[in-house]
Amino acid sequence: MVSGGNKPQRRLPPDFYERVWSVVREIPPGRVTSYGLIARFLGTGSSARIVGYAMNAVANRKDIPAHRVVNRIGLLTGKFHFETPETMQKRLKSEGVRFINEDQVDWDAHRWDPMEALPREFRDQLSIPH
């Protein structure tokens, strides 16, 4: 369950992390998305923090490009979950992602929104309500 102050608690699907990882695998090289955009795509817009937990769990796996998930303004808030704090930035730079400062990607140039990019069939495969 997810709680947030006085907000009603919401039960997440038991396979929520797997759904997050399925979306993250679709992010093209050179693009980034946010925890919140993934949560919104999955129909749980208030669960950005849980998306972050899912990313932290796989930061060092090669089959899930966790380095392509940043916060809502492009900050590398997950960088300390990688092999070194510099790993996330190095991976993004190797894909051509530009930075506006040391820890912030050029969000406007590299933003990828799964709601716009992924077809409805992808949502259907994940059993996400429309």
Protein backbone atom coordinates (compact mmCIF):
# COMPACT_ATOMS: atom_id res chain seq x y z
CA MET A 1 0.00 0.00 0.00
CA VAL A 2 1.02 3.55 -0.59
CA SER A 3 0.21 6.28 1.85
CA GLY A 4 0.81 9.98 1.61
CA GLY A 5 -0.27 12.01 4.60
CA ASN A 6 -4.05 12.28 4.64
CA LYS A 7 -4.51 10.80 1.19
CA PRO A 8 -6.41 7.52 0.96
CA GLN A 9 -4.18 4.49 0.71
CA ARG A 10 -3.97 2.79 -2.65
CA ARG A 11 -3.06 -0.82 -3.28
CA LEU A 12 -0.55 -1.32 -6.09
CA PRO A 13 -0.62 -4.40 -8.30
CA PRO A 14 1.66 -7.16 -6.97
CA ASP A 15 3.68 -7.01 -10.20
CA PHE A 16 4.11 -3.22 -10.08
CA TYR A 17 7.93 -3.33 -10.22
CA GLU A 18 7.82 -5.62 -13.26
CA ARG A 19 5.43 -3.20 -14.98
CA VAL A 20 7.81 -0.32 -14.22
CA TRP A 21 10.74 -2.25 -15.66
CA SER A 22 8.75 -3.10 -18.81
CA VAL A 23 8.20 0.60 -19.44
CA VAL A 24 11.84 1.47 -18.71
CA ARG A 25 13.05 -1.11 -21.23
CA GLU A 26 11.18 0.89 -23.90
CA ILE A 27 13.02 4.19 -23.27
CA PRO A 28 15.23 4.77 -26.32
CA PRO A 29 18.94 5.54 -25.93
CA GLY A 30 19.49 9.28 -25.69
CA ARG A 31 16.12 9.90 -24.04
CA VAL A 32 15.05 10.16 -20.40
CA THR A 33 11.79 9.98 -18.52
CA SER A 34 10.75 10.69 -14.96
CA TYR A 35 9.49 8.60 -12.09
CA GLY A 36 6.23 10.53 -12.23
CA LEU A 37 5.67 10.02 -15.96
CA ILE A 38 6.11 6.27 -15.51
CA ALA A 39 3.70 6.26 -12.55
CA ARG A 40 1.14 8.22 -14.57
CA PHE A 41 1.48 5.82 -17.51
CA LEU A 42 0.89 2.89 -15.16
CA GLY A 43 -2.27 4.52 -13.84
CA THR A 44 -0.78 5.28 -10.43
CA GLY A 45 0.17 8.93 -10.80
CA SER A 46 0.79 9.39 -7.09
CA SER A 47 3.29 6.51 -6.94
CA ALA A 48 6.42 8.20 -8.32
CA ARG A 49 8.33 7.32 -5.16
CA ILE A 50 7.50 3.63 -5.61
CA VAL A 51 8.77 3.85 -9.20
CA GLY A 52 12.00 5.19 -7.68
CA TYR A 53 12.20 2.17 -5.40
CA ALA A 54 11.74 -0.10 -8.42
CA MET A 55 14.59 1.68 -10.21
CA ASN A 56 16.90 1.53 -7.20
CA ALA A 57 16.41 -2.23 -7.11
CA VAL A 58 17.84 -2.63 -10.64
CA ALA A 59 20.32 0.24 -10.98
CA ASN A 60 23.18 -2.12 -11.78
CA ARG A 61 21.35 -4.53 -14.08
CA LYS A 62 22.35 -4.26 -17.72
CA ASP A 63 18.96 -5.38 -19.11
CA ILE A 64 17.04 -2.45 -17.57
CA PRO A 65 18.30 1.05 -18.47
CA ALA A 66 17.65 2.57 -15.04
CA HIS A 67 20.03 5.43 -15.87
CA ARG A 68 17.36 6.83 -18.22
CA VAL A 69 14.97 7.62 -15.35
CA VAL A 70 15.45 10.98 -13.65
CA ASN A 71 13.32 13.27 -11.53
CA ARG A 72 10.69 15.65 -12.94
CA ILE A 73 13.20 18.40 -13.72
CA GLY A 74 15.95 16.14 -15.03
CA LEU A 75 18.05 15.76 -11.88
CA LEU A 76 19.99 12.52 -11.42
CA THR A 77 18.43 11.77 -8.05
CA GLY A 78 19.07 8.03 -8.40
CA LYS A 79 22.80 8.31 -9.07
CA PHE A 80 23.89 6.93 -5.69
CA HIS A 81 22.27 3.56 -6.43
CA PHE A 82 24.71 2.80 -9.27
CA GLU A 83 28.24 1.33 -9.05
CA THR A 84 29.55 4.86 -8.51
CA PRO A 85 27.71 8.20 -8.31
CA GLU A 86 29.21 9.09 -11.73
CA THR A 87 27.92 5.97 -13.53
CA MET A 88 24.47 7.34 -14.32
CA GLN A 89 25.84 10.51 -15.90
CA LYS A 90 28.52 8.60 -17.85
CA ARG A 91 25.93 6.23 -19.33
CA LEU A 92 23.66 9.11 -20.34
CA LYS A 93 26.51 11.10 -21.88
CA SER A 94 27.62 8.02 -23.85
CA GLU A 95 24.12 8.01 -25.40
CA GLY A 96 24.39 11.67 -26.38
CA VAL A 97 22.30 13.15 -23.57
CA ARG A 98 23.22 16.79 -22.93
CA PHE A 99 23.41 18.28 -19.46
CA ILE A 100 22.55 21.81 -18.39
CA ASN A 101 24.67 21.38 -15.27
CA GLU A 102 26.60 18.58 -13.60
CA ASP A 103 23.60 16.60 -12.34
CA GLN A 104 20.74 17.81 -14.54
CA VAL A 105 19.92 16.64 -18.05
CA ASP A 106 18.50 18.95 -20.69
CA TRP A 107 14.95 17.83 -19.96
CA ASP A 108 13.37 19.73 -22.84
CA ALA A 109 15.72 18.14 -25.38
CA HIS A 110 15.65 14.55 -24.11
CA ARG A 111 12.24 14.07 -22.41
CA TRP A 112 10.41 10.86 -23.33
CA ASP A 113 6.81 10.42 -22.21
CA PRO A 114 5.47 6.86 -22.30
CA MET A 115 1.89 8.20 -22.61
CA GLU A 116 2.86 9.77 -25.94
CA ALA A 117 5.41 7.22 -27.15
CA LEU A 118 3.95 3.82 -26.35
CA PRO A 119 0.98 2.38 -28.22
CA ARG A 120 -2.28 1.48 -26.51
CA GLU A 121 -1.46 -2.20 -27.12
CA PHE A 122 1.53 -1.89 -24.81
CA ARG A 123 -0.78 -0.71 -22.00
CA ASP A 124 -3.12 -3.60 -22.81
CA GLN A 125 -0.24 -6.10 -22.50
CA LEU A 126 0.47 -4.76 -19.01
CA SER A 127 -3.25 -4.83 -18.12
CA ILE A 128 -3.26 -1.11 -17.39
CA PRO A 129 -6.68 0.54 -17.25
CA HIS A 130 -7.27 3.21 -19.92
